[in-house]
Amino acid sequence: MHTEGLHLVFEKYMRCALARSGTCDVTELGEKYCPLGRTLTEHTRSEEGKPLRQSLPIGFLSGAKDYWPMFAKKMADTVQSQLAMVLKKADKKGISQEPGLVEKLDSELATVAGRVFETAKADIKVLEEKGWYGNNEDVAFYEKQKHWRYLIKMSGPFQGTYCHENGIEVAFRDYSDADLPLDRFTKMVKKTKK
């Protein structure tokens, strides 16, 4: 399963919480991007931000509610230290952080984790049931790609307006910023898109 394509990685989880907390509604320092989102991208592309590239602990999503505490603990263990580093870097850059931001982010991180826990199971099931078409050798390559794009666009807990009323794109505005350094992973993704 393509966890990056379904946004089931820690970075996308944090990005959704940032957008939901309102941090992407204003721009600062003359930037046309979500300032904390841009800082998150820089951090994720750094050596110390590598844990954010990891898949979310979707192995816990078997359907049993008993797994929620283990899932939530893994989410918190990874994200809390990473979020602290992102906020510290933003502070050094002069990006203001409104009073109560940490509390708001904590609340949104818990909300988004609950959404992932509840929706990812259904998304995985859809991919299992409908993904065969994209792997069928008798289907033209273009049709396979079209099918996978449709499935990925319609699945994932962060699609639509859940993260932001103007869509998840708001939180991803900085991804194509040419001034941001590319890490090895981003270079590989850009290479495959050509």
N, C-alpha and C. Protein backbone atom coordinates (compact mmCIF):
# COMPACT_ATOMS: atom_id res chain seq x y z
N MET A 1 0.84 -1.18 0.00
CA MET A 1 0.00 0.00 0.00
C MET A 1 0.88 1.24 0.00
N HIS A 2 0.46 2.26 -0.69
CA HIS A 2 1.22 3.49 -0.85
C HIS A 2 0.83 4.48 0.25
N THR A 3 1.50 4.39 1.40
CA THR A 3 1.10 5.22 2.54
C THR A 3 1.33 6.71 2.29
N GLU A 4 2.36 7.08 1.53
CA GLU A 4 2.60 8.49 1.22
C GLU A 4 1.45 9.04 0.37
N GLY A 5 1.03 8.27 -0.63
CA GLY A 5 -0.05 8.70 -1.51
C GLY A 5 -1.37 8.87 -0.78
N LEU A 6 -1.58 8.10 0.26
CA LEU A 6 -2.81 8.22 1.06
C LEU A 6 -2.63 9.17 2.24
N HIS A 7 -1.51 9.85 2.28
CA HIS A 7 -1.19 10.79 3.37
C HIS A 7 -1.09 10.10 4.72
N LEU A 8 -0.79 8.81 4.74
CA LEU A 8 -0.69 8.08 6.01
C LEU A 8 0.74 8.06 6.51
N VAL A 9 1.35 9.24 6.57
CA VAL A 9 2.69 9.42 7.15
C VAL A 9 2.59 10.54 8.18
N PHE A 10 3.52 10.56 9.11
CA PHE A 10 3.45 11.53 10.22
C PHE A 10 3.45 12.97 9.75
N GLU A 11 4.21 13.28 8.72
CA GLU A 11 4.26 14.66 8.24
C GLU A 11 2.88 15.14 7.80
N LYS A 12 2.15 14.32 7.06
CA LYS A 12 0.83 14.72 6.56
C LYS A 12 -0.15 14.87 7.72
N TYR A 13 -0.01 14.02 8.71
CA TYR A 13 -0.83 14.10 9.92
C TYR A 13 -0.61 15.45 10.62
N MET A 14 0.67 15.83 10.79
CA MET A 14 0.97 17.11 11.42
C MET A 14 0.48 18.27 10.56
N ARG A 15 0.62 18.15 9.25
CA ARG A 15 0.21 19.20 8.33
C ARG A 15 -1.30 19.46 8.44
N CYS A 16 -2.07 18.39 8.55
CA CYS A 16 -3.52 18.53 8.69
C CYS A 16 -3.86 19.24 10.00
N ALA A 17 -3.19 18.87 11.08
CA ALA A 17 -3.44 19.52 12.38
C ALA A 17 -3.07 21.00 12.33
N LEU A 18 -1.98 21.34 11.63
CA LEU A 18 -1.60 22.75 11.48
C LEU A 18 -2.70 23.52 10.75
N ALA A 19 -3.19 22.95 9.66
CA ALA A 19 -4.24 23.62 8.89
C ALA A 19 -5.52 23.77 9.71
N ARG A 20 -5.90 22.71 10.43
CA ARG A 20 -7.12 22.76 11.24
C ARG A 20 -7.01 23.78 12.38
N SER A 21 -5.79 24.01 12.86
CA SER A 21 -5.61 24.94 13.98
C SER A 21 -5.59 26.39 13.53
N GLY A 22 -5.68 26.63 12.23
CA GLY A 22 -5.73 28.00 11.72
C GLY A 22 -4.37 28.62 11.42
N THR A 23 -3.31 27.85 11.55
CA THR A 23 -1.98 28.44 11.33
C THR A 23 -1.69 28.71 9.86
N CYS A 24 -2.49 28.18 8.95
CA CYS A 24 -2.27 28.40 7.52
C CYS A 24 -3.20 29.46 6.95
N ASP A 25 -3.96 30.13 7.80
CA ASP A 25 -4.90 31.13 7.31
C ASP A 25 -4.27 32.49 7.06
N VAL A 26 -3.11 32.70 7.63
CA VAL A 26 -2.41 33.97 7.43
C VAL A 26 -1.00 33.66 6.92
N THR A 27 -0.46 34.64 6.22
CA THR A 27 0.93 34.49 5.80
C THR A 27 1.74 35.62 6.42
N GLU A 28 2.98 35.34 6.68
CA GLU A 28 3.85 36.30 7.35
C GLU A 28 5.15 36.45 6.60
N LEU A 29 5.93 37.42 6.97
CA LEU A 29 7.27 37.61 6.44
C LEU A 29 7.28 37.69 4.92
N GLY A 30 6.19 38.17 4.34
CA GLY A 30 6.11 38.30 2.90
C GLY A 30 6.00 36.98 2.16
N GLU A 31 5.74 35.90 2.88
CA GLU A 31 5.66 34.59 2.24
C GLU A 31 4.26 34.35 1.69
N LYS A 32 4.19 33.65 0.57
CA LYS A 32 2.89 33.29 0.02
C LYS A 32 2.48 31.90 0.48
N TYR A 33 3.22 31.33 1.40
CA TYR A 33 2.98 29.98 1.87
C TYR A 33 2.56 30.00 3.33
N CYS A 34 2.00 28.89 3.77
CA CYS A 34 1.67 28.71 5.18
C CYS A 34 3.00 28.67 5.94
N PRO A 35 3.30 29.68 6.76
CA PRO A 35 4.61 29.75 7.40
C PRO A 35 5.00 28.52 8.20
N LEU A 36 4.10 28.02 9.04
CA LEU A 36 4.45 26.83 9.80
C LEU A 36 4.52 25.60 8.90
N GLY A 37 3.72 25.57 7.85
CA GLY A 37 3.79 24.48 6.89
C GLY A 37 5.13 24.44 6.18
N ARG A 38 5.61 25.62 5.83
CA ARG A 38 6.91 25.71 5.17
C ARG A 38 8.02 25.26 6.12
N THR A 39 7.93 25.67 7.36
CA THR A 39 8.91 25.24 8.36
C THR A 39 8.84 23.73 8.56
N LEU A 40 7.62 23.18 8.55
CA LEU A 40 7.45 21.73 8.66
C LEU A 40 8.13 21.02 7.48
N THR A 41 7.96 21.55 6.27
CA THR A 41 8.60 20.94 5.09
C THR A 41 10.11 20.97 5.23
N GLU A 42 10.66 22.11 5.61
CA GLU A 42 12.11 22.21 5.79
C GLU A 42 12.59 21.20 6.83
N HIS A 43 11.86 21.10 7.92
CA HIS A 43 12.24 20.17 8.98
C HIS A 43 12.16 18.72 8.51
N THR A 44 11.08 18.38 7.82
CA THR A 44 10.89 17.00 7.34
C THR A 44 12.00 16.61 6.37
N ARG A 45 12.49 17.56 5.61
CA ARG A 45 13.56 17.27 4.64
C ARG A 45 14.95 17.27 5.28
N SER A 46 15.00 17.56 6.58
CA SER A 46 16.28 17.54 7.29
C SER A 46 16.51 16.16 7.90
N GLU A 47 17.73 15.94 8.35
CA GLU A 47 18.07 14.66 8.96
C GLU A 47 17.24 14.41 10.23
N GLU A 48 17.08 15.45 11.06
CA GLU A 48 16.35 15.25 12.31
C GLU A 48 14.84 15.11 12.11
N GLY A 49 14.36 15.47 10.93
CA GLY A 49 12.93 15.35 10.65
C GLY A 49 12.53 14.05 9.97
N LYS A 50 13.49 13.15 9.76
CA LYS A 50 13.21 11.88 9.07
C LYS A 50 12.08 11.05 9.69
N PRO A 51 11.91 11.05 11.01
CA PRO A 51 10.80 10.26 11.57
C PRO A 51 9.42 10.66 11.01
N LEU A 52 9.30 11.89 10.51
CA LEU A 52 8.01 12.34 9.96
C LEU A 52 7.70 11.70 8.62
N ARG A 53 8.70 11.11 7.98
CA ARG A 53 8.50 10.41 6.70
C ARG A 53 7.98 8.99 6.91
N GLN A 54 7.97 8.53 8.15
CA GLN A 54 7.54 7.16 8.43
C GLN A 54 6.03 7.02 8.29
N SER A 55 5.62 5.80 7.95
CA SER A 55 4.18 5.49 7.86
C SER A 55 3.55 5.58 9.25
N LEU A 56 2.30 6.02 9.28
CA LEU A 56 1.55 5.99 10.52
C LEU A 56 1.38 4.54 10.94
N PRO A 57 1.16 4.29 12.22
CA PRO A 57 1.07 2.90 12.70
C PRO A 57 -0.25 2.24 12.32
N ILE A 58 -0.47 2.08 11.01
CA ILE A 58 -1.75 1.56 10.53
C ILE A 58 -1.90 0.07 10.81
N GLY A 59 -0.85 -0.60 11.26
CA GLY A 59 -0.97 -1.99 11.66
C GLY A 59 -1.93 -2.18 12.82
N PHE A 60 -2.18 -1.10 13.57
CA PHE A 60 -3.11 -1.17 14.69
C PHE A 60 -4.56 -1.03 14.25
N LEU A 61 -4.78 -0.78 12.95
CA LEU A 61 -6.12 -0.48 12.49
C LEU A 61 -6.88 -1.72 12.03
N SER A 62 -6.93 -2.71 12.85
CA SER A 62 -7.61 -3.96 12.51
C SER A 62 -9.11 -3.88 12.77
N GLY A 63 -9.55 -2.83 13.36
CA GLY A 63 -10.97 -2.69 13.64
C GLY A 63 -11.31 -2.79 15.11
N ALA A 64 -10.39 -3.30 15.91
CA ALA A 64 -10.66 -3.45 17.34
C ALA A 64 -10.41 -2.13 18.06
N LYS A 65 -11.41 -1.67 18.78
CA LYS A 65 -11.26 -0.41 19.52
C LYS A 65 -10.19 -0.51 20.60
N ASP A 66 -9.88 -1.73 21.02
CA ASP A 66 -8.84 -1.93 22.04
C ASP A 66 -7.48 -1.39 21.58
N TYR A 67 -7.30 -1.23 20.28
CA TYR A 67 -6.01 -0.79 19.75
C TYR A 67 -5.83 0.73 19.80
N TRP A 68 -6.89 1.46 20.07
CA TRP A 68 -6.80 2.93 20.09
C TRP A 68 -5.68 3.43 21.03
N PRO A 69 -5.57 2.96 22.28
CA PRO A 69 -4.50 3.47 23.15
C PRO A 69 -3.10 3.25 22.57
N MET A 70 -2.87 2.09 21.96
CA MET A 70 -1.54 1.81 21.38
C MET A 70 -1.29 2.71 20.17
N PHE A 71 -2.32 2.88 19.34
CA PHE A 71 -2.21 3.73 18.16
C PHE A 71 -1.94 5.18 18.59
N ALA A 72 -2.72 5.68 19.53
CA ALA A 72 -2.57 7.06 20.00
C ALA A 72 -1.20 7.29 20.64
N LYS A 73 -0.71 6.32 21.40
CA LYS A 73 0.60 6.46 22.05
C LYS A 73 1.71 6.55 21.01
N LYS A 74 1.65 5.71 19.99
CA LYS A 74 2.67 5.74 18.94
C LYS A 74 2.62 7.07 18.20
N MET A 75 1.43 7.56 17.94
CA MET A 75 1.28 8.85 17.26
C MET A 75 1.92 9.96 18.12
N ALA A 76 1.57 9.99 19.38
CA ALA A 76 2.07 11.03 20.28
C ALA A 76 3.58 10.93 20.48
N ASP A 77 4.08 9.71 20.66
CA ASP A 77 5.52 9.53 20.88
C ASP A 77 6.35 10.09 19.73
N THR A 78 5.87 9.92 18.51
CA THR A 78 6.61 10.40 17.34
C THR A 78 6.42 11.90 17.14
N VAL A 79 5.20 12.36 17.28
CA VAL A 79 4.88 13.73 16.90
C VAL A 79 5.29 14.78 17.93
N GLN A 80 5.17 14.50 19.21
CA GLN A 80 5.43 15.54 20.21
C GLN A 80 6.83 16.14 20.10
N SER A 81 7.85 15.31 20.01
CA SER A 81 9.21 15.86 19.92
C SER A 81 9.43 16.57 18.59
N GLN A 82 8.85 16.03 17.51
CA GLN A 82 9.00 16.65 16.19
C GLN A 82 8.30 18.00 16.13
N LEU A 83 7.12 18.09 16.71
CA LEU A 83 6.39 19.36 16.73
C LEU A 83 7.17 20.41 17.52
N ALA A 84 7.75 20.01 18.63
CA ALA A 84 8.56 20.95 19.43
C ALA A 84 9.71 21.51 18.60
N MET A 85 10.36 20.64 17.82
CA MET A 85 11.47 21.10 16.96
C MET A 85 10.98 22.06 15.88
N VAL A 86 9.83 21.77 15.28
CA VAL A 86 9.27 22.63 14.23
C VAL A 86 8.94 24.01 14.81
N LEU A 87 8.29 24.02 15.97
CA LEU A 87 7.91 25.31 16.58
C LEU A 87 9.14 26.10 16.99
N LYS A 88 10.18 25.43 17.45
CA LYS A 88 11.42 26.11 17.83
C LYS A 88 12.08 26.73 16.58
N LYS A 89 12.10 26.00 15.48
CA LYS A 89 12.67 26.52 14.24
C LYS A 89 11.86 27.71 13.72
N ALA A 90 10.53 27.63 13.83
CA ALA A 90 9.68 28.73 13.40
C ALA A 90 9.94 29.98 14.25
N ASP A 91 10.12 29.77 15.54
CA ASP A 91 10.41 30.88 16.44
C ASP A 91 11.73 31.55 16.07
N LYS A 92 12.75 30.76 15.74
CA LYS A 92 14.05 31.31 15.34
C LYS A 92 13.94 32.11 14.05
N LYS A 93 13.00 31.74 13.17
CA LYS A 93 12.81 32.45 11.91
C LYS A 93 11.97 33.71 12.09
N GLY A 94 11.42 33.89 13.29
CA GLY A 94 10.61 35.07 13.55
C GLY A 94 9.14 34.89 13.21
N ILE A 95 8.70 33.66 13.04
CA ILE A 95 7.30 33.40 12.74
C ILE A 95 6.54 33.42 14.06
N SER A 96 5.62 34.38 14.18
CA SER A 96 4.91 34.52 15.45
C SER A 96 3.94 33.37 15.66
N GLN A 97 3.77 33.02 16.90
CA GLN A 97 2.86 31.93 17.26
C GLN A 97 1.88 32.49 18.29
N GLU A 98 0.62 32.46 17.92
CA GLU A 98 -0.40 33.04 18.78
C GLU A 98 -0.46 32.34 20.13
N PRO A 99 -0.87 33.05 21.16
CA PRO A 99 -1.02 32.43 22.47
C PRO A 99 -2.02 31.27 22.37
N GLY A 100 -1.71 30.19 23.03
CA GLY A 100 -2.59 29.03 23.02
C GLY A 100 -2.42 28.12 21.82
N LEU A 101 -1.42 28.41 20.96
CA LEU A 101 -1.23 27.59 19.77
C LEU A 101 -0.91 26.14 20.12
N VAL A 102 -0.05 25.92 21.10
CA VAL A 102 0.34 24.56 21.46
C VAL A 102 -0.87 23.76 21.93
N GLU A 103 -1.72 24.39 22.75
CA GLU A 103 -2.92 23.71 23.23
C GLU A 103 -3.86 23.39 22.07
N LYS A 104 -4.00 24.36 21.14
CA LYS A 104 -4.86 24.16 19.99
C LYS A 104 -4.32 23.02 19.11
N LEU A 105 -3.01 23.00 18.91
CA LEU A 105 -2.40 21.93 18.12
C LEU A 105 -2.56 20.57 18.80
N ASP A 106 -2.36 20.54 20.12
CA ASP A 106 -2.56 19.28 20.86
C ASP A 106 -3.97 18.73 20.64
N SER A 107 -4.95 19.62 20.70
CA SER A 107 -6.34 19.22 20.51
C SER A 107 -6.57 18.72 19.09
N GLU A 108 -6.04 19.44 18.11
CA GLU A 108 -6.24 19.04 16.71
C GLU A 108 -5.48 17.75 16.39
N LEU A 109 -4.31 17.57 16.97
CA LEU A 109 -3.56 16.33 16.74
C LEU A 109 -4.37 15.13 17.24
N ALA A 110 -5.02 15.28 18.38
CA ALA A 110 -5.86 14.19 18.91
C ALA A 110 -7.08 13.96 18.01
N THR A 111 -7.69 15.04 17.54
CA THR A 111 -8.85 14.93 16.65
C THR A 111 -8.48 14.23 15.35
N VAL A 112 -7.37 14.64 14.75
CA VAL A 112 -6.94 14.06 13.48
C VAL A 112 -6.54 12.59 13.67
N ALA A 113 -5.90 12.27 14.79
CA ALA A 113 -5.54 10.87 15.07
C ALA A 113 -6.81 10.02 15.14
N GLY A 114 -7.85 10.53 15.77
CA GLY A 114 -9.12 9.82 15.83
C GLY A 114 -9.72 9.61 14.45
N ARG A 115 -9.60 10.61 13.61
CA ARG A 115 -10.11 10.50 12.23
C ARG A 115 -9.34 9.42 11.47
N VAL A 116 -8.02 9.43 11.60
CA VAL A 116 -7.20 8.41 10.93
C VAL A 116 -7.62 7.02 11.42
N PHE A 117 -7.75 6.88 12.73
CA PHE A 117 -8.09 5.59 13.31
C PHE A 117 -9.43 5.08 12.79
N GLU A 118 -10.39 6.00 12.62
CA GLU A 118 -11.72 5.60 12.19
C GLU A 118 -11.85 5.40 10.68
N THR A 119 -11.11 6.16 9.87
CA THR A 119 -11.33 6.10 8.41
C THR A 119 -10.32 5.24 7.65
N ALA A 120 -9.13 5.07 8.16
CA ALA A 120 -8.11 4.35 7.39
C ALA A 120 -8.49 2.91 7.14
N LYS A 121 -9.19 2.29 8.06
CA LYS A 121 -9.61 0.89 7.88
C LYS A 121 -10.47 0.76 6.62
N ALA A 122 -11.43 1.67 6.46
CA ALA A 122 -12.32 1.62 5.30
C ALA A 122 -11.54 1.90 4.01
N ASP A 123 -10.59 2.85 4.07
CA ASP A 123 -9.79 3.17 2.88
C ASP A 123 -8.95 1.98 2.45
N ILE A 124 -8.38 1.29 3.41
CA ILE A 124 -7.56 0.11 3.11
C ILE A 124 -8.44 -0.97 2.47
N LYS A 125 -9.64 -1.13 2.99
CA LYS A 125 -10.56 -2.13 2.45
C LYS A 125 -10.93 -1.79 0.99
N VAL A 126 -11.19 -0.52 0.71
CA VAL A 126 -11.51 -0.10 -0.66
C VAL A 126 -10.34 -0.40 -1.58
N LEU A 127 -9.13 -0.09 -1.13
CA LEU A 127 -7.95 -0.36 -1.96
C LEU A 127 -7.79 -1.86 -2.22
N GLU A 128 -8.07 -2.67 -1.21
CA GLU A 128 -7.98 -4.12 -1.39
C GLU A 128 -9.03 -4.62 -2.38
N GLU A 129 -10.24 -4.07 -2.30
CA GLU A 129 -11.33 -4.54 -3.15
C GLU A 129 -11.27 -3.99 -4.57
N LYS A 130 -10.85 -2.73 -4.71
CA LYS A 130 -10.88 -2.09 -6.03
C LYS A 130 -9.50 -1.90 -6.64
N GLY A 131 -8.47 -2.19 -5.87
CA GLY A 131 -7.11 -1.98 -6.36
C GLY A 131 -6.68 -2.97 -7.43
N TRP A 132 -7.39 -4.11 -7.54
CA TRP A 132 -7.01 -5.13 -8.52
C TRP A 132 -7.00 -4.58 -9.93
N TYR A 133 -7.90 -3.65 -10.25
CA TYR A 133 -8.00 -3.10 -11.60
C TYR A 133 -6.69 -2.43 -12.00
N GLY A 134 -6.08 -1.72 -11.05
CA GLY A 134 -4.82 -1.03 -11.32
C GLY A 134 -3.65 -1.97 -11.47
N ASN A 135 -3.81 -3.22 -11.07
CA ASN A 135 -2.74 -4.21 -11.20
C ASN A 135 -3.01 -5.23 -12.31
N ASN A 136 -4.12 -5.09 -13.01
CA ASN A 136 -4.51 -6.03 -14.05
C ASN A 136 -3.66 -5.81 -15.30
N GLU A 137 -2.98 -6.86 -15.76
CA GLU A 137 -2.11 -6.75 -16.94
C GLU A 137 -2.87 -6.47 -18.22
N ASP A 138 -4.16 -6.79 -18.26
CA ASP A 138 -4.95 -6.59 -19.47
C ASP A 138 -5.48 -5.15 -19.60
N VAL A 139 -5.21 -4.33 -18.61
CA VAL A 139 -5.68 -2.94 -18.62
C VAL A 139 -4.53 -2.04 -19.08
N ALA A 140 -4.84 -1.11 -19.97
CA ALA A 140 -3.82 -0.19 -20.49
C ALA A 140 -3.20 0.62 -19.35
N PHE A 141 -1.91 0.93 -19.48
CA PHE A 141 -1.18 1.65 -18.44
C PHE A 141 -1.89 2.95 -18.05
N TYR A 142 -2.31 3.73 -19.05
CA TYR A 142 -3.00 5.00 -18.79
C TYR A 142 -4.24 4.77 -17.94
N GLU A 143 -5.00 3.75 -18.27
CA GLU A 143 -6.21 3.45 -17.51
C GLU A 143 -5.89 3.04 -16.08
N LYS A 144 -4.79 2.29 -15.90
CA LYS A 144 -4.36 1.90 -14.55
C LYS A 144 -4.03 3.14 -13.72
N GLN A 145 -3.25 4.05 -14.33
CA GLN A 145 -2.85 5.28 -13.63
C GLN A 145 -4.08 6.11 -13.26
N LYS A 146 -5.00 6.21 -14.19
CA LYS A 146 -6.23 6.97 -13.95
C LYS A 146 -7.01 6.34 -12.78
N HIS A 147 -7.07 5.04 -12.78
CA HIS A 147 -7.78 4.32 -11.71
C HIS A 147 -7.11 4.56 -10.36
N TRP A 148 -5.78 4.45 -10.27
CA TRP A 148 -5.07 4.66 -9.01
C TRP A 148 -5.23 6.09 -8.52
N ARG A 149 -5.13 7.07 -9.44
CA ARG A 149 -5.31 8.47 -9.04
C ARG A 149 -6.71 8.67 -8.44
N TYR A 150 -7.72 8.07 -9.08
CA TYR A 150 -9.09 8.19 -8.56
C TYR A 150 -9.19 7.59 -7.16
N LEU A 151 -8.66 6.37 -6.99
CA LEU A 151 -8.76 5.70 -5.68
C LEU A 151 -8.05 6.51 -4.60
N ILE A 152 -6.86 6.99 -4.90
CA ILE A 152 -6.09 7.73 -3.90
C ILE A 152 -6.75 9.07 -3.59
N LYS A 153 -7.30 9.72 -4.61
CA LYS A 153 -7.96 11.00 -4.39
C LYS A 153 -9.21 10.84 -3.53
N MET A 154 -9.89 9.72 -3.66
CA MET A 154 -11.13 9.51 -2.94
C MET A 154 -10.93 8.84 -1.58
N SER A 155 -9.70 8.49 -1.27
CA SER A 155 -9.46 7.82 0.01
C SER A 155 -8.48 8.64 0.83
N GLY A 156 -8.21 8.18 2.00
CA GLY A 156 -7.31 8.91 2.88
C GLY A 156 -8.10 9.83 3.79
N PRO A 157 -7.72 9.90 5.04
CA PRO A 157 -8.48 10.68 6.02
C PRO A 157 -8.34 12.19 5.86
N PHE A 158 -7.44 12.65 5.00
CA PHE A 158 -7.20 14.09 4.91
C PHE A 158 -7.75 14.69 3.62
N GLN A 159 -8.59 13.98 2.91
CA GLN A 159 -9.12 14.48 1.64
C GLN A 159 -10.26 15.46 1.88
N GLY A 160 -10.63 16.17 0.84
CA GLY A 160 -11.74 17.11 0.92
C GLY A 160 -11.43 18.30 1.81
N THR A 161 -12.40 18.70 2.60
CA THR A 161 -12.25 19.91 3.43
C THR A 161 -12.06 19.58 4.90
N TYR A 162 -11.70 18.35 5.23
CA TYR A 162 -11.53 17.99 6.63
C TYR A 162 -10.45 18.82 7.31
N CYS A 163 -9.31 19.00 6.65
CA CYS A 163 -8.19 19.72 7.27
C CYS A 163 -8.35 21.24 7.17
N HIS A 164 -8.97 21.71 6.10
CA HIS A 164 -9.13 23.15 5.90
C HIS A 164 -10.32 23.38 4.99
N GLU A 165 -11.08 24.42 5.25
CA GLU A 165 -12.29 24.67 4.46
C GLU A 165 -11.99 24.87 2.97
N ASN A 166 -10.77 25.27 2.63
CA ASN A 166 -10.39 25.46 1.23
C ASN A 166 -9.64 24.25 0.67
N GLY A 167 -9.71 23.13 1.36
CA GLY A 167 -9.06 21.91 0.89
C GLY A 167 -7.66 21.74 1.45
N ILE A 168 -7.16 20.52 1.34
CA ILE A 168 -5.84 20.19 1.90
C ILE A 168 -4.72 20.94 1.18
N GLU A 169 -4.98 21.40 -0.04
CA GLU A 169 -3.95 22.12 -0.80
C GLU A 169 -3.39 23.31 -0.02
N VAL A 170 -4.22 23.90 0.83
CA VAL A 170 -3.79 25.05 1.64
C VAL A 170 -2.55 24.69 2.45
N ALA A 171 -2.54 23.50 3.02
CA ALA A 171 -1.42 23.08 3.87
C ALA A 171 -0.22 22.61 3.06
N PHE A 172 -0.39 22.43 1.75
CA PHE A 172 0.71 21.94 0.90
C PHE A 172 1.25 23.00 -0.05
N ARG A 173 0.87 24.25 0.15
CA ARG A 173 1.29 25.31 -0.78
C ARG A 173 2.79 25.42 -0.91
N ASP A 174 3.53 25.08 0.13
CA ASP A 174 4.98 25.27 0.10
C ASP A 174 5.73 24.15 -0.61
N TYR A 175 5.08 23.04 -0.91
CA TYR A 175 5.78 21.88 -1.47
C TYR A 175 6.58 22.18 -2.72
N SER A 176 6.06 23.04 -3.58
CA SER A 176 6.75 23.32 -4.84
C SER A 176 7.62 24.58 -4.79
N ASP A 177 7.86 25.10 -3.62
CA ASP A 177 8.69 26.29 -3.47
C ASP A 177 10.13 25.96 -3.86
N ALA A 178 10.61 26.59 -4.91
CA ALA A 178 11.95 26.31 -5.44
C ALA A 178 13.06 26.71 -4.46
N ASP A 179 12.74 27.57 -3.49
CA ASP A 179 13.77 28.01 -2.53
C ASP A 179 14.02 26.99 -1.42
N LEU A 180 13.15 26.00 -1.29
CA LEU A 180 13.34 24.99 -0.25
C LEU A 180 14.31 23.92 -0.75
N PRO A 181 15.20 23.48 0.12
CA PRO A 181 16.14 22.42 -0.30
C PRO A 181 15.40 21.10 -0.49
N LEU A 182 15.87 20.32 -1.46
CA LEU A 182 15.28 19.01 -1.71
C LEU A 182 16.09 17.96 -0.99
N ASP A 183 15.41 17.02 -0.36
CA ASP A 183 16.11 15.89 0.22
C ASP A 183 16.09 14.75 -0.79
N ARG A 184 16.72 13.64 -0.45
CA ARG A 184 16.83 12.51 -1.38
C ARG A 184 15.45 12.00 -1.81
N PHE A 185 14.53 11.88 -0.86
CA PHE A 185 13.19 11.40 -1.16
C PHE A 185 12.47 12.33 -2.13
N THR A 186 12.52 13.64 -1.87
CA THR A 186 11.83 14.61 -2.73
C THR A 186 12.43 14.61 -4.13
N LYS A 187 13.74 14.46 -4.24
CA LYS A 187 14.38 14.39 -5.56
C LYS A 187 13.88 13.16 -6.33
N MET A 188 13.72 12.04 -5.64
CA MET A 188 13.25 10.82 -6.29
C MET A 188 11.81 11.01 -6.78
N VAL A 189 10.97 11.65 -5.98
CA VAL A 189 9.58 11.89 -6.37
C VAL A 189 9.53 12.79 -7.58
N LYS A 190 10.31 13.89 -7.57
CA LYS A 190 10.33 14.80 -8.70
C LYS A 190 10.81 14.11 -9.97
N LYS A 191 11.79 13.23 -9.82
CA LYS A 191 12.35 12.51 -10.97
C LYS A 191 11.29 11.61 -11.60
N THR A 192 10.46 10.96 -10.81
CA THR A 192 9.45 10.04 -11.34
C THR A 192 8.28 10.78 -11.98
N LYS A 193 8.10 12.06 -11.66
CA LYS A 193 6.99 12.82 -12.23
C LYS A 193 7.30 13.31 -13.64
N LYS A 194 8.57 13.32 -14.05
CA LYS A 194 8.94 13.82 -15.38
C LYS A 194 8.59 12.85 -16.47
